[in-house]
Structures are given as structure tokens and as C-alpha cells.
Amino acid sequence: EFQIIGRAVMPLVIIVMVTPIVAIAPALVVAFGFGMVPKFIVTGLVVFFPMLVNSLAGLRDVDQKALDVFTTLHASRWEIFRELRFPGSMPYVFAGLRIALPLAVVGAA
């Protein structure tokens, strides 16, 4: 389900992720000036990747037996997402927040 999006977007995400923030920040200052916008963008970039990785891990890590039950009951992909994948991914999302919040403070400084 998420494979098409993952194959299209993940190479771009990885390229931005491995680029040091120190290399991106001067370009943001040139593009947006010395205001708050470059700080917001840097903070967003720093926080985005831990959240993305943890959220995708949570969406992929679904109980196979529960997924089989949903499939047996002919649940739609939206119902599987809403009732099984999304609630099951919440521990991963909160783990990502636990990592991302201190990084946000560092990125904003």
C-alpha cells in the first residue's frame, strides 16, 4: 500500500537527510533572510526525519493476525488504516516525538 509512495519519495528524503544542516542553513539564510523563517525550516528538517522513520515503522508493524481478521471481514484499505494501522502506530509516533522534541530545541537555537 505504501510501497509506491515509499519508492518515489524515500530517495529524496534520504538525500535531504544525509545533507548536513550546516550546509543547508546558509542557503536558507540567503533565500529567506535573517528572520525566523530559516530557523523554522531548519527546525522542521531536524524534526521531520525521526518522526518520518518512526511513523513509517509504526504503520508497517501491524499484527498479522489482526490484519488477517480485517481482510477476512473485507475491510477497505481506509478501514484497515483507521482502525488498525493508525492506532497501532501511536507508540512509534510518541517514541519519535521523544526523540524529536529535544532535537527541535537544538535546531531552533
PDB file of N, CA and C in Angstrom:
ATOM      1  N   GLU A   1       0.815  -1.186   0.000  1.00  0.00           N
ATOM      2  CA  GLU A   1       0.000   0.000   0.000  1.00  0.00           C
ATOM      3  C   GLU A   1       0.861   1.253   0.000  1.00  0.00           C
ATOM      4  N   PHE A   2       1.837   1.290   0.883  1.00  0.00           N
ATOM      5  CA  PHE A   2       2.696   2.457   0.993  1.00  0.00           C
ATOM      6  C   PHE A   2       3.943   2.317   0.137  1.00  0.00           C
ATOM      7  N   GLN A   3       4.061   1.224  -0.592  1.00  0.00           N
ATOM      8  CA  GLN A   3       5.285   0.937  -1.316  1.00  0.00           C
ATOM      9  C   GLN A   3       5.515   1.905  -2.470  1.00  0.00           C
ATOM     10  N   ILE A   4       4.475   2.290  -3.180  1.00  0.00           N
ATOM     11  CA  ILE A   4       4.620   3.196  -4.315  1.00  0.00           C
ATOM     12  C   ILE A   4       5.105   4.560  -3.831  1.00  0.00           C
ATOM     13  N   ILE A   5       4.486   5.060  -2.778  1.00  0.00           N
ATOM     14  CA  ILE A   5       4.895   6.352  -2.230  1.00  0.00           C
ATOM     15  C   ILE A   5       6.310   6.249  -1.669  1.00  0.00           C
ATOM     16  N   GLY A   6       6.587   5.158  -0.977  1.00  0.00           N
ATOM     17  CA  GLY A   6       7.915   4.971  -0.404  1.00  0.00           C
ATOM     18  C   GLY A   6       9.003   4.929  -1.455  1.00  0.00           C
ATOM     19  N   ARG A   7       8.754   4.233  -2.528  1.00  0.00           N
ATOM     20  CA  ARG A   7       9.757   4.149  -3.598  1.00  0.00           C
ATOM     21  C   ARG A   7       9.960   5.476  -4.304  1.00  0.00           C
ATOM     22  N   ALA A   8       8.933   6.291  -4.368  1.00  0.00           N
ATOM     23  CA  ALA A   8       9.051   7.574  -5.055  1.00  0.00           C
ATOM     24  C   ALA A   8       9.678   8.642  -4.169  1.00  0.00           C
ATOM     25  N   VAL A   9       9.319   8.658  -2.908  1.00  0.00           N
ATOM     26  CA  VAL A   9       9.710   9.760  -2.035  1.00  0.00           C
ATOM     27  C   VAL A   9      10.977   9.465  -1.234  1.00  0.00           C
ATOM     28  N   MET A  10      11.182   8.228  -0.836  1.00  0.00           N
ATOM     29  CA  MET A  10      12.286   7.916   0.069  1.00  0.00           C
ATOM     30  C   MET A  10      13.668   8.273  -0.481  1.00  0.00           C
ATOM     31  N   PRO A  11      13.969   8.105  -1.769  1.00  0.00           N
ATOM     32  CA  PRO A  11      15.291   8.564  -2.230  1.00  0.00           C
ATOM     33  C   PRO A  11      15.515  10.061  -2.006  1.00  0.00           C
ATOM     34  N   LEU A  12      14.493  10.869  -2.248  1.00  0.00           N
ATOM     35  CA  LEU A  12      14.622  12.306  -1.997  1.00  0.00           C
ATOM     36  C   LEU A  12      14.773  12.594  -0.512  1.00  0.00           C
ATOM     37  N   VAL A  13      14.040  11.880   0.307  1.00  0.00           N
ATOM     38  CA  VAL A  13      14.132  12.061   1.752  1.00  0.00           C
ATOM     39  C   VAL A  13      15.526  11.700   2.241  1.00  0.00           C
ATOM     40  N   ILE A  14      16.082  10.634   1.729  1.00  0.00           N
ATOM     41  CA  ILE A  14      17.414  10.198   2.147  1.00  0.00           C
ATOM     42  C   ILE A  14      18.467  11.209   1.720  1.00  0.00           C
ATOM     43  N   ILE A  15      18.330  11.774   0.528  1.00  0.00           N
ATOM     44  CA  ILE A  15      19.292  12.780   0.069  1.00  0.00           C
ATOM     45  C   ILE A  15      19.263  13.999   0.988  1.00  0.00           C
ATOM     46  N   VAL A  16      18.085  14.462   1.346  1.00  0.00           N
ATOM     47  CA  VAL A  16      17.993  15.617   2.244  1.00  0.00           C
ATOM     48  C   VAL A  16      18.459  15.236   3.649  1.00  0.00           C
ATOM     49  N   MET A  17      18.168  14.003   4.064  1.00  0.00           N
ATOM     50  CA  MET A  17      18.531  13.582   5.409  1.00  0.00           C
ATOM     51  C   MET A  17      20.044  13.498   5.608  1.00  0.00           C
ATOM     52  N   VAL A  18      20.787  13.048   4.604  1.00  0.00           N
ATOM     53  CA  VAL A  18      22.229  12.899   4.766  1.00  0.00           C
ATOM     54  C   VAL A  18      22.981  14.200   4.506  1.00  0.00           C
ATOM     55  N   THR A  19      22.292  15.209   4.000  1.00  0.00           N
ATOM     56  CA  THR A  19      22.929  16.504   3.801  1.00  0.00           C
ATOM     57  C   THR A  19      23.028  17.205   5.155  1.00  0.00           C
ATOM     58  N   PRO A  20      24.214  17.622   5.551  1.00  0.00           N
ATOM     59  CA  PRO A  20      24.344  18.278   6.856  1.00  0.00           C
ATOM     60  C   PRO A  20      23.540  19.578   6.922  1.00  0.00           C
ATOM     61  N   ILE A  21      22.946  19.818   8.069  1.00  0.00           N
ATOM     62  CA  ILE A  21      22.171  21.046   8.273  1.00  0.00           C
ATOM     63  C   ILE A  21      23.075  22.269   8.129  1.00  0.00           C
ATOM     64  N   VAL A  22      24.337  22.115   8.498  1.00  0.00           N
ATOM     65  CA  VAL A  22      25.289  23.227   8.380  1.00  0.00           C
ATOM     66  C   VAL A  22      25.443  23.641   6.914  1.00  0.00           C
ATOM     67  N   ALA A  23      25.264  22.720   5.998  1.00  0.00           N
ATOM     68  CA  ALA A  23      25.352  23.049   4.579  1.00  0.00           C
ATOM     69  C   ALA A  23      24.055  23.670   4.056  1.00  0.00           C
ATOM     70  N   ILE A  24      22.945  23.332   4.665  1.00  0.00           N
ATOM     71  CA  ILE A  24      21.651  23.840   4.211  1.00  0.00           C
ATOM     72  C   ILE A  24      21.356  25.225   4.781  1.00  0.00           C
ATOM     73  N   ALA A  25      21.770  25.470   6.011  1.00  0.00           N
ATOM     74  CA  ALA A  25      21.416  26.710   6.707  1.00  0.00           C
ATOM     75  C   ALA A  25      21.859  27.979   5.972  1.00  0.00           C
ATOM     76  N   PRO A  26      23.096  28.061   5.446  1.00  0.00           N
ATOM     77  CA  PRO A  26      23.453  29.301   4.730  1.00  0.00           C
ATOM     78  C   PRO A  26      22.587  29.557   3.494  1.00  0.00           C
ATOM     79  N   ALA A  27      22.236  28.520   2.794  1.00  0.00           N
ATOM     80  CA  ALA A  27      21.366  28.698   1.628  1.00  0.00           C
ATOM     81  C   ALA A  27      19.990  29.196   2.049  1.00  0.00           C
ATOM     82  N   LEU A  28      19.501  28.720   3.191  1.00  0.00           N
ATOM     83  CA  LEU A  28      18.210  29.199   3.687  1.00  0.00           C
ATOM     84  C   LEU A  28      18.282  30.664   4.109  1.00  0.00           C
ATOM     85  N   VAL A  29      19.398  31.056   4.708  1.00  0.00           N
ATOM     86  CA  VAL A  29      19.558  32.461   5.105  1.00  0.00           C
ATOM     87  C   VAL A  29      19.623  33.358   3.873  1.00  0.00           C
ATOM     88  N   VAL A  30      20.316  32.905   2.831  1.00  0.00           N
ATOM     89  CA  VAL A  30      20.373  33.688   1.592  1.00  0.00           C
ATOM     90  C   VAL A  30      18.987  33.785   0.964  1.00  0.00           C
ATOM     91  N   ALA A  31      18.248  32.685   0.987  1.00  0.00           N
ATOM     92  CA  ALA A  31      16.941  32.675   0.337  1.00  0.00           C
ATOM     93  C   ALA A  31      15.887  33.447   1.121  1.00  0.00           C
ATOM     94  N   PHE A  32      15.916  33.340   2.457  1.00  0.00           N
ATOM     95  CA  PHE A  32      14.829  33.903   3.261  1.00  0.00           C
ATOM     96  C   PHE A  32      15.251  35.034   4.191  1.00  0.00           C
ATOM     97  N   GLY A  33      16.531  35.381   4.220  1.00  0.00           N
ATOM     98  CA  GLY A  33      16.991  36.460   5.095  1.00  0.00           C
ATOM     99  C   GLY A  33      17.310  35.949   6.484  1.00  0.00           C
ATOM    100  N   PHE A  34      17.577  36.902   7.379  1.00  0.00           N
ATOM    101  CA  PHE A  34      17.989  36.558   8.735  1.00  0.00           C
ATOM    102  C   PHE A  34      16.816  36.450   9.706  1.00  0.00           C
ATOM    103  N   GLY A  35      15.619  36.369   9.228  1.00  0.00           N
ATOM    104  CA  GLY A  35      14.442  36.316  10.095  1.00  0.00           C
ATOM    105  C   GLY A  35      14.231  34.944  10.709  1.00  0.00           C
ATOM    106  N   MET A  36      13.003  34.701  11.085  1.00  0.00           N
ATOM    107  CA  MET A  36      12.644  33.451  11.757  1.00  0.00           C
ATOM    108  C   MET A  36      12.405  32.304  10.780  1.00  0.00           C
ATOM    109  N   VAL A  37      12.112  32.600   9.524  1.00  0.00           N
ATOM    110  CA  VAL A  37      11.766  31.558   8.556  1.00  0.00           C
ATOM    111  C   VAL A  37      12.877  30.515   8.399  1.00  0.00           C
ATOM    112  N   PRO A  38      14.156  30.892   8.235  1.00  0.00           N
ATOM    113  CA  PRO A  38      15.191  29.859   8.144  1.00  0.00           C
ATOM    114  C   PRO A  38      15.283  28.992   9.396  1.00  0.00           C
ATOM    115  N   LYS A  39      15.059  29.592  10.572  1.00  0.00           N
ATOM    116  CA  LYS A  39      15.080  28.804  11.814  1.00  0.00           C
ATOM    117  C   LYS A  39      13.940  27.803  11.843  1.00  0.00           C
ATOM    118  N   PHE A  40      12.764  28.235  11.393  1.00  0.00           N
ATOM    119  CA  PHE A  40      11.629  27.320  11.341  1.00  0.00           C
ATOM    120  C   PHE A  40      11.898  26.160  10.387  1.00  0.00           C
ATOM    121  N   ILE A  41      12.478  26.466   9.233  1.00  0.00           N
ATOM    122  CA  ILE A  41      12.754  25.424   8.246  1.00  0.00           C
ATOM    123  C   ILE A  41      13.806  24.452   8.771  1.00  0.00           C
ATOM    124  N   VAL A  42      14.858  24.965   9.384  1.00  0.00           N
ATOM    125  CA  VAL A  42      15.897  24.088   9.943  1.00  0.00           C
ATOM    126  C   VAL A  42      15.308  23.211  11.045  1.00  0.00           C
ATOM    127  N   THR A  43      14.507  23.801  11.917  1.00  0.00           N
ATOM    128  CA  THR A  43      13.870  23.027  12.979  1.00  0.00           C
ATOM    129  C   THR A  43      12.952  21.960  12.389  1.00  0.00           C
ATOM    130  N   GLY A  44      12.202  22.323  11.365  1.00  0.00           N
ATOM    131  CA  GLY A  44      11.334  21.350  10.707  1.00  0.00           C
ATOM    132  C   GLY A  44      12.115  20.211  10.083  1.00  0.00           C
ATOM    133  N   LEU A  45      13.237  20.520   9.458  1.00  0.00           N
ATOM    134  CA  LEU A  45      14.064  19.470   8.857  1.00  0.00           C
ATOM    135  C   LEU A  45      14.648  18.553   9.918  1.00  0.00           C
ATOM    136  N   VAL A  46      15.086  19.127  11.021  1.00  0.00           N
ATOM    137  CA  VAL A  46      15.676  18.315  12.085  1.00  0.00           C
ATOM    138  C   VAL A  46      14.638  17.385  12.696  1.00  0.00           C
ATOM    139  N   VAL A  47      13.417  17.864  12.845  1.00  0.00           N
ATOM    140  CA  VAL A  47      12.362  17.089  13.495  1.00  0.00           C
ATOM    141  C   VAL A  47      11.693  16.103  12.531  1.00  0.00           C
ATOM    142  N   PHE A  48      11.675  16.436  11.267  1.00  0.00           N
ATOM    143  CA  PHE A  48      10.927  15.654  10.289  1.00  0.00           C
ATOM    144  C   PHE A  48      11.413  14.210  10.167  1.00  0.00           C
ATOM    145  N   PHE A  49      12.706  14.012  10.131  1.00  0.00           N
ATOM    146  CA  PHE A  49      13.221  12.684   9.816  1.00  0.00           C
ATOM    147  C   PHE A  49      13.016  11.657  10.929  1.00  0.00           C
ATOM    148  N   PRO A  50      13.260  11.983  12.199  1.00  0.00           N
ATOM    149  CA  PRO A  50      12.930  10.987  13.227  1.00  0.00           C
ATOM    150  C   PRO A  50      11.438  10.656  13.261  1.00  0.00           C
ATOM    151  N   MET A  51      10.613  11.676  13.039  1.00  0.00           N
ATOM    152  CA  MET A  51       9.176  11.427  13.023  1.00  0.00           C
ATOM    153  C   MET A  51       8.769  10.554  11.841  1.00  0.00           C
ATOM    154  N   LEU A  52       9.349  10.821  10.682  1.00  0.00           N
ATOM    155  CA  LEU A  52       9.033  10.034   9.490  1.00  0.00           C
ATOM    156  C   LEU A  52       9.423   8.578   9.666  1.00  0.00           C
ATOM    157  N   VAL A  53      10.644   8.349  10.121  1.00  0.00           N
ATOM    158  CA  VAL A  53      11.137   6.982  10.265  1.00  0.00           C
ATOM    159  C   VAL A  53      10.295   6.213  11.282  1.00  0.00           C
ATOM    160  N   ASN A  54      10.018   6.823  12.422  1.00  0.00           N
ATOM    161  CA  ASN A  54       9.235   6.132  13.445  1.00  0.00           C
ATOM    162  C   ASN A  54       7.790   5.922  13.010  1.00  0.00           C
ATOM    163  N   SER A  55       7.207   6.903  12.354  1.00  0.00           N
ATOM    164  CA  SER A  55       5.816   6.757  11.905  1.00  0.00           C
ATOM    165  C   SER A  55       5.693   5.653  10.863  1.00  0.00           C
ATOM    166  N   LEU A  56       6.613   5.610   9.915  1.00  0.00           N
ATOM    167  CA  LEU A  56       6.565   4.540   8.907  1.00  0.00           C
ATOM    168  C   LEU A  56       6.793   3.171   9.529  1.00  0.00           C
ATOM    169  N   ALA A  57       7.690   3.097  10.506  1.00  0.00           N
ATOM    170  CA  ALA A  57       7.903   1.822  11.195  1.00  0.00           C
ATOM    171  C   ALA A  57       6.633   1.382  11.910  1.00  0.00           C
ATOM    172  N   GLY A  58       5.934   2.331  12.530  1.00  0.00           N
ATOM    173  CA  GLY A  58       4.693   2.001  13.212  1.00  0.00           C
ATOM    174  C   GLY A  58       3.594   1.565  12.258  1.00  0.00           C
ATOM    175  N   LEU A  59       3.515   2.197  11.090  1.00  0.00           N
ATOM    176  CA  LEU A  59       2.489   1.812  10.121  1.00  0.00           C
ATOM    177  C   LEU A  59       2.768   0.446   9.509  1.00  0.00           C
ATOM    178  N   ARG A  60       4.032   0.093   9.407  1.00  0.00           N
ATOM    179  CA  ARG A  60       4.388  -1.213   8.838  1.00  0.00           C
ATOM    180  C   ARG A  60       4.257  -2.338   9.851  1.00  0.00           C
ATOM    181  N   ASP A  61       4.490  -2.036  11.126  1.00  0.00           N
ATOM    182  CA  ASP A  61       4.483  -3.057  12.164  1.00  0.00           C
ATOM    183  C   ASP A  61       3.055  -3.268  12.651  1.00  0.00           C
ATOM    184  N   VAL A  62       2.335  -4.082  11.934  1.00  0.00           N
ATOM    185  CA  VAL A  62       0.946  -4.366  12.278  1.00  0.00           C
ATOM    186  C   VAL A  62       0.833  -5.858  12.601  1.00  0.00           C
ATOM    187  N   ASP A  63      -0.025  -6.169  13.553  1.00  0.00           N
ATOM    188  CA  ASP A  63      -0.238  -7.556  13.933  1.00  0.00           C
ATOM    189  C   ASP A  63      -0.843  -8.310  12.746  1.00  0.00           C
ATOM    190  N   GLN A  64      -0.137  -9.319  12.278  1.00  0.00           N
ATOM    191  CA  GLN A  64      -0.571 -10.043  11.078  1.00  0.00           C
ATOM    192  C   GLN A  64      -1.902 -10.746  11.298  1.00  0.00           C
ATOM    193  N   LYS A  65      -2.122 -11.254  12.491  1.00  0.00           N
ATOM    194  CA  LYS A  65      -3.406 -11.927  12.760  1.00  0.00           C
ATOM    195  C   LYS A  65      -4.562 -10.943  12.716  1.00  0.00           C
ATOM    196  N   ALA A  66      -4.369  -9.763  13.267  1.00  0.00           N
ATOM    197  CA  ALA A  66      -5.421  -8.746  13.206  1.00  0.00           C
ATOM    198  C   ALA A  66      -5.663  -8.311  11.764  1.00  0.00           C
ATOM    199  N   LEU A  67      -4.574  -8.190  10.998  1.00  0.00           N
ATOM    200  CA  LEU A  67      -4.722  -7.835   9.584  1.00  0.00           C
ATOM    201  C   LEU A  67      -5.482  -8.924   8.827  1.00  0.00           C
ATOM    202  N   ASP A  68      -5.226 -10.180   9.164  1.00  0.00           N
ATOM    203  CA  ASP A  68      -5.968 -11.289   8.548  1.00  0.00           C
ATOM    204  C   ASP A  68      -7.454 -11.217   8.891  1.00  0.00           C
ATOM    205  N   VAL A  69      -7.777 -10.840  10.119  1.00  0.00           N
ATOM    206  CA  VAL A  69      -9.180 -10.703  10.516  1.00  0.00           C
ATOM    207  C   VAL A  69      -9.847  -9.591   9.711  1.00  0.00           C
ATOM    208  N   PHE A  70      -9.165  -8.458   9.584  1.00  0.00           N
ATOM    209  CA  PHE A  70      -9.714  -7.344   8.801  1.00  0.00           C
ATOM    210  C   PHE A  70      -9.901  -7.749   7.342  1.00  0.00           C
ATOM    211  N   THR A  71      -8.934  -8.493   6.809  1.00  0.00           N
ATOM    212  CA  THR A  71      -9.042  -8.947   5.417  1.00  0.00           C
ATOM    213  C   THR A  71     -10.203  -9.923   5.266  1.00  0.00           C
ATOM    214  N   THR A  72     -10.376 -10.802   6.227  1.00  0.00           N
ATOM    215  CA  THR A  72     -11.479 -11.761   6.188  1.00  0.00           C
ATOM    216  C   THR A  72     -12.827 -11.047   6.223  1.00  0.00           C
ATOM    217  N   LEU A  73     -12.883  -9.955   6.952  1.00  0.00           N
ATOM    218  CA  LEU A  73     -14.128  -9.198   7.052  1.00  0.00           C
ATOM    219  C   LEU A  73     -14.308  -8.206   5.904  1.00  0.00           C
ATOM    220  N   HIS A  74     -13.429  -8.286   4.904  1.00  0.00           N
ATOM    221  CA  HIS A  74     -13.486  -7.436   3.714  1.00  0.00           C
ATOM    222  C   HIS A  74     -13.433  -5.949   4.059  1.00  0.00           C
ATOM    223  N   ALA A  75     -12.556  -5.611   4.976  1.00  0.00           N
ATOM    224  CA  ALA A  75     -12.381  -4.199   5.340  1.00  0.00           C
ATOM    225  C   ALA A  75     -11.647  -3.485   4.208  1.00  0.00           C
ATOM    226  N   SER A  76     -12.019  -2.247   3.987  1.00  0.00           N
ATOM    227  CA  SER A  76     -11.344  -1.452   2.961  1.00  0.00           C
ATOM    228  C   SER A  76      -9.972  -1.022   3.479  1.00  0.00           C
ATOM    229  N   ARG A  77      -9.139  -0.503   2.575  1.00  0.00           N
ATOM    230  CA  ARG A  77      -7.817  -0.037   2.996  1.00  0.00           C
ATOM    231  C   ARG A  77      -7.943   1.110   3.988  1.00  0.00           C
ATOM    232  N   TRP A  78      -8.928   1.981   3.796  1.00  0.00           N
ATOM    233  CA  TRP A  78      -9.142   3.085   4.714  1.00  0.00           C
ATOM    234  C   TRP A  78      -9.538   2.563   6.096  1.00  0.00           C
ATOM    235  N   GLU A  79     -10.412   1.561   6.147  1.00  0.00           N
ATOM    236  CA  GLU A  79     -10.815   0.992   7.436  1.00  0.00           C
ATOM    237  C   GLU A  79      -9.643   0.315   8.133  1.00  0.00           C
ATOM    238  N   ILE A  80      -8.810  -0.378   7.374  1.00  0.00           N
ATOM    239  CA  ILE A  80      -7.624  -1.005   7.953  1.00  0.00           C
ATOM    240  C   ILE A  80      -6.694   0.063   8.512  1.00  0.00           C
ATOM    241  N   PHE A  81      -6.522   1.143   7.777  1.00  0.00           N
ATOM    242  CA  PHE A  81      -5.674   2.227   8.265  1.00  0.00           C
ATOM    243  C   PHE A  81      -6.264   2.863   9.513  1.00  0.00           C
ATOM    244  N   ARG A  82      -7.539   3.201   9.450  1.00  0.00           N
ATOM    245  CA  ARG A  82      -8.184   3.934  10.539  1.00  0.00           C
ATOM    246  C   ARG A  82      -8.324   3.101  11.814  1.00  0.00           C
ATOM    247  N   GLU A  83      -8.635   1.846  11.670  1.00  0.00           N
ATOM    248  CA  GLU A  83      -8.932   1.020  12.839  1.00  0.00           C
ATOM    249  C   GLU A  83      -7.765   0.159  13.314  1.00  0.00           C
ATOM    250  N   LEU A  84      -6.769  -0.076  12.461  1.00  0.00           N
ATOM    251  CA  LEU A  84      -5.685  -0.985  12.831  1.00  0.00           C
ATOM    252  C   LEU A  84      -4.312  -0.327  12.762  1.00  0.00           C
ATOM    253  N   ARG A  85      -3.956   0.189  11.604  1.00  0.00           N
ATOM    254  CA  ARG A  85      -2.602   0.722  11.427  1.00  0.00           C
ATOM    255  C   ARG A  85      -2.369   2.002  12.215  1.00  0.00           C
ATOM    256  N   PHE A  86      -3.286   2.960  12.122  1.00  0.00           N
ATOM    257  CA  PHE A  86      -3.086   4.242  12.802  1.00  0.00           C
ATOM    258  C   PHE A  86      -3.022   4.086  14.321  1.00  0.00           C
ATOM    259  N   PRO A  87      -3.984   3.412  14.957  1.00  0.00           N
ATOM    260  CA  PRO A  87      -3.865   3.255  16.413  1.00  0.00           C
ATOM    261  C   PRO A  87      -2.630   2.435  16.814  1.00  0.00           C
ATOM    262  N   GLY A  88      -2.272   1.461  16.008  1.00  0.00           N
ATOM    263  CA  GLY A  88      -1.103   0.646  16.321  1.00  0.00           C
ATOM    264  C   GLY A  88       0.208   1.386  16.159  1.00  0.00           C
ATOM    265  N   SER A  89       0.201   2.458  15.378  1.00  0.00           N
ATOM    266  CA  SER A  89       1.436   3.205  15.156  1.00  0.00           C
ATOM    267  C   SER A  89       1.676   4.275  16.211  1.00  0.00           C
ATOM    268  N   MET A  90       0.715   4.519  17.087  1.00  0.00           N
ATOM    269  CA  MET A  90       0.853   5.592  18.068  1.00  0.00           C
ATOM    270  C   MET A  90       2.053   5.424  19.007  1.00  0.00           C
ATOM    271  N   PRO A  91       2.386   4.226  19.493  1.00  0.00           N
ATOM    272  CA  PRO A  91       3.599   4.125  20.316  1.00  0.00           C
ATOM    273  C   PRO A  91       4.856   4.543  19.560  1.00  0.00           C
ATOM    274  N   TYR A  92       4.912   4.244  18.283  1.00  0.00           N
ATOM    275  CA  TYR A  92       6.056   4.640  17.464  1.00  0.00           C
ATOM    276  C   TYR A  92       6.081   6.155  17.250  1.00  0.00           C
ATOM    277  N   VAL A  93       4.925   6.749  17.063  1.00  0.00           N
ATOM    278  CA  VAL A  93       4.847   8.194  16.872  1.00  0.00           C
ATOM    279  C   VAL A  93       5.315   8.909  18.140  1.00  0.00           C
ATOM    280  N   PHE A  94       4.876   8.424  19.295  1.00  0.00           N
ATOM    281  CA  PHE A  94       5.302   9.060  20.541  1.00  0.00           C
ATOM    282  C   PHE A  94       6.778   8.823  20.824  1.00  0.00           C
ATOM    283  N   ALA A  95       7.304   7.687  20.406  1.00  0.00           N
ATOM    284  CA  ALA A  95       8.748   7.469  20.519  1.00  0.00           C
ATOM    285  C   ALA A  95       9.493   8.453  19.620  1.00  0.00           C
ATOM    286  N   GLY A  96       8.962   8.704  18.429  1.00  0.00           N
ATOM    287  CA  GLY A  96       9.551   9.699  17.541  1.00  0.00           C
ATOM    288  C   GLY A  96       9.493  11.095  18.142  1.00  0.00           C
ATOM    289  N   LEU A  97       8.395  11.412  18.815  1.00  0.00           N
ATOM    290  CA  LEU A  97       8.290  12.715  19.481  1.00  0.00           C
ATOM    291  C   LEU A  97       9.303  12.840  20.608  1.00  0.00           C
ATOM    292  N   ARG A  98       9.526  11.740  21.315  1.00  0.00           N
ATOM    293  CA  ARG A  98      10.506  11.773  22.403  1.00  0.00           C
ATOM    294  C   ARG A  98      11.909  12.068  21.864  1.00  0.00           C
ATOM    295  N   ILE A  99      12.180  11.616  20.665  1.00  0.00           N
ATOM    296  CA  ILE A  99      13.471  11.901  20.031  1.00  0.00           C
ATOM    297  C   ILE A  99      13.470  13.302  19.421  1.00  0.00           C
ATOM    298  N   ALA A 100      12.355  13.681  18.794  1.00  0.00           N
ATOM    299  CA  ALA A 100      12.316  14.910  18.005  1.00  0.00           C
ATOM    300  C   ALA A 100      12.224  16.172  18.843  1.00  0.00           C
ATOM    301  N   LEU A 101      11.591  16.121  19.993  1.00  0.00           N
ATOM    302  CA  LEU A 101      11.423  17.349  20.775  1.00  0.00           C
ATOM    303  C   LEU A 101      12.761  17.935  21.244  1.00  0.00           C
ATOM    304  N   PRO A 102      13.685  17.163  21.800  1.00  0.00           N
ATOM    305  CA  PRO A 102      14.984  17.762  22.119  1.00  0.00           C
ATOM    306  C   PRO A 102      15.739  18.245  20.879  1.00  0.00           C
ATOM    307  N   LEU A 103      15.583  17.533  19.768  1.00  0.00           N
ATOM    308  CA  LEU A 103      16.220  17.970  18.537  1.00  0.00           C
ATOM    309  C   LEU A 103      15.634  19.299  18.050  1.00  0.00           C
ATOM    310  N   ALA A 104      14.349  19.508  18.299  1.00  0.00           N
ATOM    311  CA  ALA A 104      13.723  20.766  17.902  1.00  0.00           C
ATOM    312  C   ALA A 104      14.309  21.937  18.670  1.00  0.00           C
ATOM    313  N   VAL A 105      14.590  21.719  19.946  1.00  0.00           N
ATOM    314  CA  VAL A 105      15.181  22.785  20.749  1.00  0.00           C
ATOM    315  C   VAL A 105      16.581  23.111  20.221  1.00  0.00           C
ATOM    316  N   VAL A 106      17.343  22.084  19.889  1.00  0.00           N
ATOM    317  CA  VAL A 106      18.684  22.295  19.354  1.00  0.00           C
ATOM    318  C   VAL A 106      18.616  22.943  17.977  1.00  0.00           C
ATOM    319  N   GLY A 107      17.681  22.503  17.134  1.00  0.00           N
ATOM    320  CA  GLY A 107      17.557  23.062  15.796  1.00  0.00           C
ATOM    321  C   GLY A 107      17.114  24.514  15.802  1.00  0.00           C
ATOM    322  N   ALA A 108      16.328  24.902  16.794  1.00  0.00           N
ATOM    323  CA  ALA A 108      15.836  26.269  16.862  1.00  0.00           C
ATOM    324  C   ALA A 108      16.867  27.232  17.431  1.00  0.00           C
ATOM    325  N   ALA A 109      17.861  26.686  18.098  1.00  0.00           N
ATOM    326  CA  ALA A 109      18.855  27.574  18.740  1.00  0.00           C
ATOM    327  C   ALA A 109      19.826  28.154  17.739  1.00  0.00           C
TER     328      ALA A 109
END
